[in-house]
Amino acid sequence: SGLCTDEEFVRRAHLDAIGRLPTPDRVRAFLADHSP
């Protein structure tokens, strides 16, 4: 499959690494960040 979206990755990474959902502010910041 292709790469997951940024929305999918930020949620997946939080749940797998720390077992918790990202906060709305953390999601916004991640989606607004365009660095590679």
Full PDB file with SEQRES, HELIX, SHEET, SSBOND, CRYST1, ORIGX, SCALE, CONECT and MASTER records, all heavy atoms in Angstrom:
SEQRES   1 A   36  SER GLY LEU CYS THR ASP GLU GLU PHE VAL ARG ARG ALA          
SEQRES   2 A   36  HIS LEU ASP ALA ILE GLY ARG LEU PRO THR PRO ASP ARG          
SEQRES   3 A   36  VAL ARG ALA PHE LEU ALA ASP HIS SER PRO                      
HELIX    1 AA1 ASP A    6  ALA A   17  1                                  12    
HELIX    2 AA2 PRO A   24  ALA A   32  1                                   9    
CRYST1    1.000    1.000    1.000  90.00  90.00  90.00 P 1           1          
ORIGX1      1.000000  0.000000  0.000000        0.00000                         
ORIGX2      0.000000  1.000000  0.000000        0.00000                         
ORIGX3      0.000000  0.000000  1.000000        0.00000                         
SCALE1      1.000000  0.000000  0.000000        0.00000                         
SCALE2      0.000000  1.000000  0.000000        0.00000                         
SCALE3      0.000000  0.000000  1.000000        0.00000                         
ATOM      1  N   SER A   1       0.839  -1.189   0.000  1.00  0.00           N  
ATOM      2  CA  SER A   1       0.000   0.000   0.000  1.00  0.00           C  
ATOM      3  C   SER A   1       0.876   1.242   0.000  1.00  0.00           C  
ATOM      4  O   SER A   1       2.080   1.179   0.274  1.00  0.00           O  
ATOM      5  CB  SER A   1      -0.910  -0.004   1.235  1.00  0.00           C  
ATOM      6  OG  SER A   1      -1.774  -1.122   1.214  1.00  0.00           O  
ATOM      7  N   GLY A   2       0.256   2.374  -0.288  1.00  0.00           N  
ATOM      8  CA  GLY A   2       0.993   3.632  -0.233  1.00  0.00           C  
ATOM      9  C   GLY A   2       1.177   4.097   1.199  1.00  0.00           C  
ATOM     10  O   GLY A   2       0.748   3.440   2.150  1.00  0.00           O  
ATOM     11  N   LEU A   3       1.824   5.225   1.358  1.00  0.00           N  
ATOM     12  CA  LEU A   3       2.031   5.776   2.693  1.00  0.00           C  
ATOM     13  C   LEU A   3       0.702   6.198   3.317  1.00  0.00           C  
ATOM     14  O   LEU A   3      -0.211   6.646   2.620  1.00  0.00           O  
ATOM     15  CB  LEU A   3       2.954   6.984   2.635  1.00  0.00           C  
ATOM     16  CG  LEU A   3       4.462   6.738   2.618  1.00  0.00           C  
ATOM     17  CD1 LEU A   3       5.185   8.068   2.591  1.00  0.00           C  
ATOM     18  CD2 LEU A   3       4.902   5.917   3.823  1.00  0.00           C  
ATOM     19  N   CYS A   4       0.603   6.052   4.622  1.00  0.00           N  
ATOM     20  CA  CYS A   4      -0.572   6.551   5.322  1.00  0.00           C  
ATOM     21  C   CYS A   4      -0.554   8.077   5.320  1.00  0.00           C  
ATOM     22  O   CYS A   4       0.485   8.716   5.092  1.00  0.00           O  
ATOM     23  CB  CYS A   4      -0.604   6.024   6.753  1.00  0.00           C  
ATOM     24  SG  CYS A   4       0.741   6.620   7.815  1.00  0.00           S  
ATOM     25  N   THR A   5      -1.690   8.685   5.582  1.00  0.00           N  
ATOM     26  CA  THR A   5      -1.773  10.139   5.651  1.00  0.00           C  
ATOM     27  C   THR A   5      -1.136  10.638   6.941  1.00  0.00           C  
ATOM     28  O   THR A   5      -0.911   9.870   7.885  1.00  0.00           O  
ATOM     29  CB  THR A   5      -3.236  10.593   5.609  1.00  0.00           C  
ATOM     30  OG1 THR A   5      -3.904  10.121   6.793  1.00  0.00           O  
ATOM     31  CG2 THR A   5      -3.951  10.049   4.373  1.00  0.00           C  
ATOM     32  N   ASP A   6      -0.881  11.928   6.993  1.00  0.00           N  
ATOM     33  CA  ASP A   6      -0.343  12.507   8.225  1.00  0.00           C  
ATOM     34  C   ASP A   6      -1.323  12.344   9.383  1.00  0.00           C  
ATOM     35  O   ASP A   6      -0.910  12.138  10.537  1.00  0.00           O  
ATOM     36  CB  ASP A   6      -0.038  13.997   8.019  1.00  0.00           C  
ATOM     37  CG  ASP A   6       1.252  14.222   7.243  1.00  0.00           C  
ATOM     38  OD1 ASP A   6       2.046  13.265   7.113  1.00  0.00           O  
ATOM     39  OD2 ASP A   6       1.462  15.356   6.760  1.00  0.00           O  
ATOM     40  N   GLU A   7      -2.619  12.456   9.093  1.00  0.00           N  
ATOM     41  CA  GLU A   7      -3.625  12.282  10.145  1.00  0.00           C  
ATOM     42  C   GLU A   7      -3.562  10.862  10.711  1.00  0.00           C  
ATOM     43  O   GLU A   7      -3.649  10.662  11.928  1.00  0.00           O  
ATOM     44  CB  GLU A   7      -5.028  12.565   9.595  1.00  0.00           C  
ATOM     45  CG  GLU A   7      -5.286  14.014   9.227  1.00  0.00           C  
ATOM     46  CD  GLU A   7      -4.914  14.340   7.788  1.00  0.00           C  
ATOM     47  OE1 GLU A   7      -4.150  13.545   7.171  1.00  0.00           O  
ATOM     48  OE2 GLU A   7      -5.382  15.361   7.264  1.00  0.00           O  
ATOM     49  N   GLU A   8      -3.415   9.888   9.816  1.00  0.00           N  
ATOM     50  CA  GLU A   8      -3.327   8.498  10.273  1.00  0.00           C  
ATOM     51  C   GLU A   8      -2.041   8.261  11.054  1.00  0.00           C  
ATOM     52  O   GLU A   8      -2.037   7.579  12.096  1.00  0.00           O  
ATOM     53  CB  GLU A   8      -3.395   7.545   9.077  1.00  0.00           C  
ATOM     54  CG  GLU A   8      -4.761   7.498   8.409  1.00  0.00           C  
ATOM     55  CD  GLU A   8      -4.745   6.764   7.076  1.00  0.00           C  
ATOM     56  OE1 GLU A   8      -3.680   6.758   6.404  1.00  0.00           O  
ATOM     57  OE2 GLU A   8      -5.790   6.213   6.713  1.00  0.00           O  
ATOM     58  N   PHE A   9      -0.944   8.855  10.580  1.00  0.00           N  
ATOM     59  CA  PHE A   9       0.334   8.597  11.235  1.00  0.00           C  
ATOM     60  C   PHE A   9       0.391   9.198  12.628  1.00  0.00           C  
ATOM     61  O   PHE A   9       0.873   8.543  13.563  1.00  0.00           O  
ATOM     62  CB  PHE A   9       1.500   9.136  10.403  1.00  0.00           C  
ATOM     63  CG  PHE A   9       2.833   8.869  11.040  1.00  0.00           C  
ATOM     64  CD1 PHE A   9       3.401   7.612  10.966  1.00  0.00           C  
ATOM     65  CD2 PHE A   9       3.498   9.865  11.740  1.00  0.00           C  
ATOM     66  CE1 PHE A   9       4.624   7.349  11.574  1.00  0.00           C  
ATOM     67  CE2 PHE A   9       4.715   9.618  12.349  1.00  0.00           C  
ATOM     68  CZ  PHE A   9       5.283   8.351  12.263  1.00  0.00           C  
ATOM     69  N   VAL A  10      -0.092  10.406  12.808  1.00  0.00           N  
ATOM     70  CA  VAL A  10       0.020  11.038  14.117  1.00  0.00           C  
ATOM     71  C   VAL A  10      -0.790  10.264  15.154  1.00  0.00           C  
ATOM     72  O   VAL A  10      -0.383  10.118  16.309  1.00  0.00           O  
ATOM     73  CB  VAL A  10      -0.405  12.525  14.052  1.00  0.00           C  
ATOM     74  CG1 VAL A  10      -1.907  12.689  13.825  1.00  0.00           C  
ATOM     75  CG2 VAL A  10       0.025  13.261  15.324  1.00  0.00           C  
ATOM     76  N   ARG A  11      -1.922   9.730  14.736  1.00  0.00           N  
ATOM     77  CA  ARG A  11      -2.737   8.928  15.664  1.00  0.00           C  
ATOM     78  C   ARG A  11      -2.077   7.578  15.926  1.00  0.00           C  
ATOM     79  O   ARG A  11      -1.981   7.124  17.073  1.00  0.00           O  
ATOM     80  CB  ARG A  11      -4.136   8.737  15.078  1.00  0.00           C  
ATOM     81  CG  ARG A  11      -5.154   8.112  16.032  1.00  0.00           C  
ATOM     82  CD  ARG A  11      -6.535   8.059  15.379  1.00  0.00           C  
ATOM     83  NE  ARG A  11      -7.581   7.848  16.355  1.00  0.00           N  
ATOM     84  CZ  ARG A  11      -8.051   6.648  16.715  1.00  0.00           C  
ATOM     85  NH1 ARG A  11      -7.546   5.571  16.160  1.00  0.00           N  
ATOM     86  NH2 ARG A  11      -9.010   6.542  17.625  1.00  0.00           N  
ATOM     87  N   ARG A  12      -1.648   6.926  14.859  1.00  0.00           N  
ATOM     88  CA  ARG A  12      -1.009   5.612  14.977  1.00  0.00           C  
ATOM     89  C   ARG A  12       0.232   5.683  15.854  1.00  0.00           C  
ATOM     90  O   ARG A  12       0.436   4.838  16.742  1.00  0.00           O  
ATOM     91  CB  ARG A  12      -0.638   5.107  13.587  1.00  0.00           C  
ATOM     92  CG  ARG A  12       0.050   3.761  13.564  1.00  0.00           C  
ATOM     93  CD  ARG A  12       0.549   3.426  12.155  1.00  0.00           C  
ATOM     94  NE  ARG A  12      -0.507   3.424  11.156  1.00  0.00           N  
ATOM     95  CZ  ARG A  12      -0.311   3.249   9.863  1.00  0.00           C  
ATOM     96  NH1 ARG A  12       0.927   3.070   9.398  1.00  0.00           N  
ATOM     97  NH2 ARG A  12      -1.315   3.264   9.009  1.00  0.00           N  
ATOM     98  N   ALA A  13       1.069   6.659  15.611  1.00  0.00           N  
ATOM     99  CA  ALA A  13       2.327   6.771  16.349  1.00  0.00           C  
ATOM    100  C   ALA A  13       2.086   7.003  17.833  1.00  0.00           C  
ATOM    101  O   ALA A  13       2.771   6.426  18.685  1.00  0.00           O  
ATOM    102  CB  ALA A  13       3.176   7.898  15.762  1.00  0.00           C  
ATOM    103  N   HIS A  14       1.115   7.854  18.167  1.00  0.00           N  
ATOM    104  CA  HIS A  14       0.799   8.093  19.573  1.00  0.00           C  
ATOM    105  C   HIS A  14       0.289   6.828  20.249  1.00  0.00           C  
ATOM    106  O   HIS A  14       0.728   6.474  21.353  1.00  0.00           O  
ATOM    107  CB  HIS A  14      -0.237   9.208  19.702  1.00  0.00           C  
ATOM    108  CG  HIS A  14       0.339  10.588  19.685  1.00  0.00           C  
ATOM    109  ND1 HIS A  14       0.756  11.203  18.519  1.00  0.00           N  
ATOM    110  CD2 HIS A  14       0.568  11.491  20.688  1.00  0.00           C  
ATOM    111  CE1 HIS A  14       1.208  12.417  18.805  1.00  0.00           C  
ATOM    112  NE2 HIS A  14       1.115  12.614  20.110  1.00  0.00           N  
ATOM    113  N   LEU A  15      -0.639   6.136  19.604  1.00  0.00           N  
ATOM    114  CA  LEU A  15      -1.215   4.939  20.210  1.00  0.00           C  
ATOM    115  C   LEU A  15      -0.183   3.835  20.377  1.00  0.00           C  
ATOM    116  O   LEU A  15      -0.189   3.112  21.382  1.00  0.00           O  
ATOM    117  CB  LEU A  15      -2.392   4.445  19.367  1.00  0.00           C  
ATOM    118  CG  LEU A  15      -3.658   5.295  19.431  1.00  0.00           C  
ATOM    119  CD1 LEU A  15      -4.663   4.844  18.382  1.00  0.00           C  
ATOM    120  CD2 LEU A  15      -4.291   5.247  20.825  1.00  0.00           C  
ATOM    121  N   ASP A  16       0.719   3.691  19.426  1.00  0.00           N  
ATOM    122  CA  ASP A  16       1.718   2.625  19.509  1.00  0.00           C  
ATOM    123  C   ASP A  16       2.862   2.966  20.454  1.00  0.00           C  
ATOM    124  O   ASP A  16       3.394   2.087  21.142  1.00  0.00           O  
ATOM    125  CB  ASP A  16       2.289   2.325  18.120  1.00  0.00           C  
ATOM    126  CG  ASP A  16       1.391   1.391  17.322  1.00  0.00           C  
ATOM    127  OD1 ASP A  16       0.582   0.672  17.933  1.00  0.00           O  
ATOM    128  OD2 ASP A  16       1.501   1.390  16.083  1.00  0.00           O  
ATOM    129  N   ALA A  17       3.263   4.214  20.491  1.00  0.00           N  
ATOM    130  CA  ALA A  17       4.429   4.590  21.297  1.00  0.00           C  
ATOM    131  C   ALA A  17       4.081   4.858  22.747  1.00  0.00           C  
ATOM    132  O   ALA A  17       4.840   4.495  23.652  1.00  0.00           O  
ATOM    133  CB  ALA A  17       5.117   5.816  20.700  1.00  0.00           C  
ATOM    134  N   ILE A  18       2.920   5.501  23.001  1.00  0.00           N  
ATOM    135  CA  ILE A  18       2.592   5.868  24.380  1.00  0.00           C  
ATOM    136  C   ILE A  18       1.195   5.399  24.799  1.00  0.00           C  
ATOM    137  O   ILE A  18       0.781   5.638  25.938  1.00  0.00           O  
ATOM    138  CB  ILE A  18       2.713   7.397  24.598  1.00  0.00           C  
ATOM    139  CG1 ILE A  18       1.698   8.165  23.744  1.00  0.00           C  
ATOM    140  CG2 ILE A  18       4.134   7.862  24.313  1.00  0.00           C  
ATOM    141  CD1 ILE A  18       1.670   9.674  24.032  1.00  0.00           C  
ATOM    142  N   GLY A  19       0.454   4.774  23.907  1.00  0.00           N  
ATOM    143  CA  GLY A  19      -0.854   4.248  24.259  1.00  0.00           C  
ATOM    144  C   GLY A  19      -1.931   5.287  24.437  1.00  0.00           C  
ATOM    145  O   GLY A  19      -3.016   4.972  24.937  1.00  0.00           O  
ATOM    146  N   ARG A  20      -1.681   6.509  24.029  1.00  0.00           N  
ATOM    147  CA  ARG A  20      -2.645   7.604  24.217  1.00  0.00           C  
ATOM    148  C   ARG A  20      -2.905   8.315  22.896  1.00  0.00           C  
ATOM    149  O   ARG A  20      -2.067   8.316  21.984  1.00  0.00           O  
ATOM    150  CB  ARG A  20      -2.100   8.633  25.231  1.00  0.00           C  
ATOM    151  CG  ARG A  20      -1.723   8.062  26.578  1.00  0.00           C  
ATOM    152  CD  ARG A  20      -2.918   7.541  27.359  1.00  0.00           C  
ATOM    153  NE  ARG A  20      -3.750   8.612  27.845  1.00  0.00           N  
ATOM    154  CZ  ARG A  20      -3.595   9.204  29.044  1.00  0.00           C  
ATOM    155  NH1 ARG A  20      -2.608   8.808  29.843  1.00  0.00           N  
ATOM    156  NH2 ARG A  20      -4.403  10.157  29.439  1.00  0.00           N  
ATOM    157  N   LEU A  21      -4.070   8.961  22.797  1.00  0.00           N  
ATOM    158  CA  LEU A  21      -4.398   9.744  21.616  1.00  0.00           C  
ATOM    159  C   LEU A  21      -3.635  11.065  21.618  1.00  0.00           C  
ATOM    160  O   LEU A  21      -3.353  11.620  22.687  1.00  0.00           O  
ATOM    161  CB  LEU A  21      -5.891  10.053  21.581  1.00  0.00           C  
ATOM    162  CG  LEU A  21      -6.859   8.911  21.285  1.00  0.00           C  
ATOM    163  CD1 LEU A  21      -8.297   9.405  21.445  1.00  0.00           C  
ATOM    164  CD2 LEU A  21      -6.643   8.368  19.882  1.00  0.00           C  
ATOM    165  N   PRO A  22      -3.331  11.603  20.444  1.00  0.00           N  
ATOM    166  CA  PRO A  22      -2.749  12.947  20.402  1.00  0.00           C  
ATOM    167  C   PRO A  22      -3.822  13.978  20.746  1.00  0.00           C  
ATOM    168  O   PRO A  22      -5.010  13.770  20.470  1.00  0.00           O  
ATOM    169  CB  PRO A  22      -2.294  13.092  18.954  1.00  0.00           C  
ATOM    170  CG  PRO A  22      -3.207  12.187  18.178  1.00  0.00           C  
ATOM    171  CD  PRO A  22      -3.491  11.023  19.089  1.00  0.00           C  
ATOM    172  N   THR A  23      -3.426  15.077  21.345  1.00  0.00           N  
ATOM    173  CA  THR A  23      -4.382  16.142  21.637  1.00  0.00           C  
ATOM    174  C   THR A  23      -4.728  16.882  20.340  1.00  0.00           C  
ATOM    175  O   THR A  23      -3.966  16.827  19.365  1.00  0.00           O  
ATOM    176  CB  THR A  23      -3.787  17.141  22.634  1.00  0.00           C  
ATOM    177  OG1 THR A  23      -2.659  17.790  22.016  1.00  0.00           O  
ATOM    178  CG2 THR A  23      -3.346  16.449  23.916  1.00  0.00           C  
ATOM    179  N   PRO A  24      -5.863  17.566  20.307  1.00  0.00           N  
ATOM    180  CA  PRO A  24      -6.191  18.350  19.110  1.00  0.00           C  
ATOM    181  C   PRO A  24      -5.084  19.330  18.725  1.00  0.00           C  
ATOM    182  O   PRO A  24      -4.781  19.486  17.531  1.00  0.00           O  
ATOM    183  CB  PRO A  24      -7.477  19.064  19.512  1.00  0.00           C  
ATOM    184  CG  PRO A  24      -8.130  18.136  20.490  1.00  0.00           C  
ATOM    185  CD  PRO A  24      -6.997  17.554  21.278  1.00  0.00           C  
ATOM    186  N   ASP A  25      -4.485  19.985  19.710  1.00  0.00           N  
ATOM    187  CA  ASP A  25      -3.416  20.936  19.395  1.00  0.00           C  
ATOM    188  C   ASP A  25      -2.210  20.230  18.775  1.00  0.00           C  
ATOM    189  O   ASP A  25      -1.570  20.770  17.857  1.00  0.00           O  
ATOM    190  CB  ASP A  25      -2.978  21.675  20.661  1.00  0.00           C  
ATOM    191  CG  ASP A  25      -4.008  22.710  21.109  1.00  0.00           C  
ATOM    192  OD1 ASP A  25      -4.873  23.085  20.290  1.00  0.00           O  
ATOM    193  OD2 ASP A  25      -3.944  23.134  22.281  1.00  0.00           O  
ATOM    194  N   ARG A  26      -1.909  19.029  19.265  1.00  0.00           N  
ATOM    195  CA  ARG A  26      -0.759  18.305  18.700  1.00  0.00           C  
ATOM    196  C   ARG A  26      -1.050  17.879  17.269  1.00  0.00           C  
ATOM    197  O   ARG A  26      -0.165  17.913  16.409  1.00  0.00           O  
ATOM    198  CB  ARG A  26      -0.444  17.068  19.563  1.00  0.00           C  
ATOM    199  CG  ARG A  26       0.856  16.374  19.130  1.00  0.00           C  
ATOM    200  CD  ARG A  26       2.033  17.294  19.420  1.00  0.00           C  
ATOM    201  NE  ARG A  26       3.289  16.842  18.833  1.00  0.00           N  
ATOM    202  CZ  ARG A  26       3.725  17.163  17.618  1.00  0.00           C  
ATOM    203  NH1 ARG A  26       2.983  17.903  16.794  1.00  0.00           N  
ATOM    204  NH2 ARG A  26       4.910  16.765  17.197  1.00  0.00           N  
ATOM    205  N   VAL A  27      -2.282  17.501  16.989  1.00  0.00           N  
ATOM    206  CA  VAL A  27      -2.650  17.125  15.623  1.00  0.00           C  
ATOM    207  C   VAL A  27      -2.526  18.335  14.700  1.00  0.00           C  
ATOM    208  O   VAL A  27      -1.967  18.245  13.600  1.00  0.00           O  
ATOM    209  CB  VAL A  27      -4.080  16.549  15.576  1.00  0.00           C  
ATOM    210  CG1 VAL A  27      -4.480  16.257  14.127  1.00  0.00           C  
ATOM    211  CG2 VAL A  27      -4.180  15.287  16.415  1.00  0.00           C  
ATOM    212  N   ARG A  28      -3.055  19.480  15.154  1.00  0.00           N  
ATOM    213  CA  ARG A  28      -2.981  20.695  14.327  1.00  0.00           C  
ATOM    214  C   ARG A  28      -1.529  21.052  14.012  1.00  0.00           C  
ATOM    215  O   ARG A  28      -1.186  21.386  12.866  1.00  0.00           O  
ATOM    216  CB  ARG A  28      -3.649  21.864  15.047  1.00  0.00           C  
ATOM    217  CG  ARG A  28      -5.164  21.781  15.148  1.00  0.00           C  
ATOM    218  CD  ARG A  28      -5.730  23.104  15.644  1.00  0.00           C  
ATOM    219  NE  ARG A  28      -7.144  23.018  15.925  1.00  0.00           N  
ATOM    220  CZ  ARG A  28      -7.669  22.743  17.118  1.00  0.00           C  
ATOM    221  NH1 ARG A  28      -6.864  22.547  18.159  1.00  0.00           N  
ATOM    222  NH2 ARG A  28      -8.971  22.683  17.280  1.00  0.00           N  
ATOM    223  N   ALA A  29      -0.690  21.003  15.040  1.00  0.00           N  
ATOM    224  CA  ALA A  29       0.714  21.371  14.839  1.00  0.00           C  
ATOM    225  C   ALA A  29       1.399  20.422  13.865  1.00  0.00           C  
ATOM    226  O   ALA A  29       2.185  20.849  13.011  1.00  0.00           O  
ATOM    227  CB  ALA A  29       1.438  21.371  16.187  1.00  0.00           C  
ATOM    228  N   PHE A  30       1.104  19.145  13.982  1.00  0.00           N  
ATOM    229  CA  PHE A  30       1.729  18.174  13.093  1.00  0.00           C  
ATOM    230  C   PHE A  30       1.258  18.365  11.657  1.00  0.00           C  
ATOM    231  O   PHE A  30       2.060  18.317  10.715  1.00  0.00           O  
ATOM    232  CB  PHE A  30       1.415  16.752  13.569  1.00  0.00           C  
ATOM    233  CG  PHE A  30       2.138  15.688  12.806  1.00  0.00           C  
ATOM    234  CD1 PHE A  30       3.487  15.446  13.014  1.00  0.00           C  
ATOM    235  CD2 PHE A  30       1.474  14.921  11.859  1.00  0.00           C  
ATOM    236  CE1 PHE A  30       4.160  14.463  12.301  1.00  0.00           C  
ATOM    237  CE2 PHE A  30       2.136  13.944  11.132  1.00  0.00           C  
ATOM    238  CZ  PHE A  30       3.489  13.719  11.363  1.00  0.00           C  
ATOM    239  N   LEU A  31      -0.030  18.607  11.466  1.00  0.00           N  
ATOM    240  CA  LEU A  31      -0.557  18.787  10.116  1.00  0.00           C  
ATOM    241  C   LEU A  31      -0.058  20.084   9.483  1.00  0.00           C  
ATOM    242  O   LEU A  31       0.083  20.177   8.257  1.00  0.00           O  
ATOM    243  CB  LEU A  31      -2.087  18.771  10.136  1.00  0.00           C  
ATOM    244  CG  LEU A  31      -2.743  17.466  10.619  1.00  0.00           C  
ATOM    245  CD1 LEU A  31      -4.265  17.584  10.551  1.00  0.00           C  
ATOM    246  CD2 LEU A  31      -2.265  16.284   9.805  1.00  0.00           C  
ATOM    247  N   ALA A  32       0.224  21.081  10.318  1.00  0.00           N  
ATOM    248  CA  ALA A  32       0.700  22.367   9.797  1.00  0.00           C  
ATOM    249  C   ALA A  32       2.196  22.357   9.485  1.00  0.00           C  
ATOM    250  O   ALA A  32       2.703  23.249   8.802  1.00  0.00           O  
ATOM    251  CB  ALA A  32       0.394  23.470  10.807  1.00  0.00           C  
ATOM    252  N   ASP A  33       2.891  21.352   9.993  1.00  0.00           N  
ATOM    253  CA  ASP A  33       4.334  21.239   9.782  1.00  0.00           C  
ATOM    254  C   ASP A  33       4.577  20.565   8.427  1.00  0.00           C  
ATOM    255  O   ASP A  33       4.135  19.449   8.182  1.00  0.00           O  
ATOM    256  CB  ASP A  33       4.937  20.396  10.904  1.00  0.00           C  
ATOM    257  CG  ASP A  33       6.459  20.336  10.846  1.00  0.00           C  
ATOM    258  OD1 ASP A  33       7.042  20.780   9.828  1.00  0.00           O  
ATOM    259  OD2 ASP A  33       7.067  19.823  11.807  1.00  0.00           O  
ATOM    260  N   HIS A  34       5.296  21.222   7.551  1.00  0.00           N  
ATOM    261  CA  HIS A  34       5.539  20.682   6.214  1.00  0.00           C  
ATOM    262  C   HIS A  34       6.988  20.244   5.999  1.00  0.00           C  
ATOM    263  O   HIS A  34       7.397  19.986   4.871  1.00  0.00           O  
ATOM    264  CB  HIS A  34       5.154  21.724   5.157  1.00  0.00           C  
ATOM    265  CG  HIS A  34       3.705  22.112   5.214  1.00  0.00           C  
ATOM    266  ND1 HIS A  34       2.688  21.247   4.901  1.00  0.00           N  
ATOM    267  CD2 HIS A  34       3.114  23.288   5.579  1.00  0.00           C  
ATOM    268  CE1 HIS A  34       1.520  21.858   5.056  1.00  0.00           C  
ATOM    269  NE2 HIS A  34       1.750  23.095   5.471  1.00  0.00           N  
ATOM    270  N   SER A  35       7.751  20.130   7.078  1.00  0.00           N  
ATOM    271  CA  SER A  35       9.148  19.710   6.939  1.00  0.00           C  
ATOM    272  C   SER A  35       9.203  18.210   6.643  1.00  0.00           C  
ATOM    273  O   SER A  35       8.383  17.429   7.135  1.00  0.00           O  
ATOM    274  CB  SER A  35       9.928  20.030   8.215  1.00  0.00           C  
ATOM    275  OG  SER A  35       9.315  19.425   9.336  1.00  0.00           O  
ATOM    276  N   PRO A  36      10.167  17.772   5.840  1.00  0.00           N  
ATOM    277  CA  PRO A  36      10.207  16.363   5.408  1.00  0.00           C  
ATOM    278  C   PRO A  36      10.539  15.380   6.521  1.00  0.00           C  
ATOM    279  O   PRO A  36      10.269  14.185   6.378  1.00  0.00           O  
ATOM    280  CB  PRO A  36      11.293  16.362   4.328  1.00  0.00           C  
ATOM    281  CG  PRO A  36      12.150  17.550   4.634  1.00  0.00           C  
ATOM    282  CD  PRO A  36      11.231  18.578   5.213  1.00  0.00           C  
TER     283      PRO A  36                                                      
MASTER        0    0    0    2    0    0    0    6  282    1    0    3          
END                                                                             
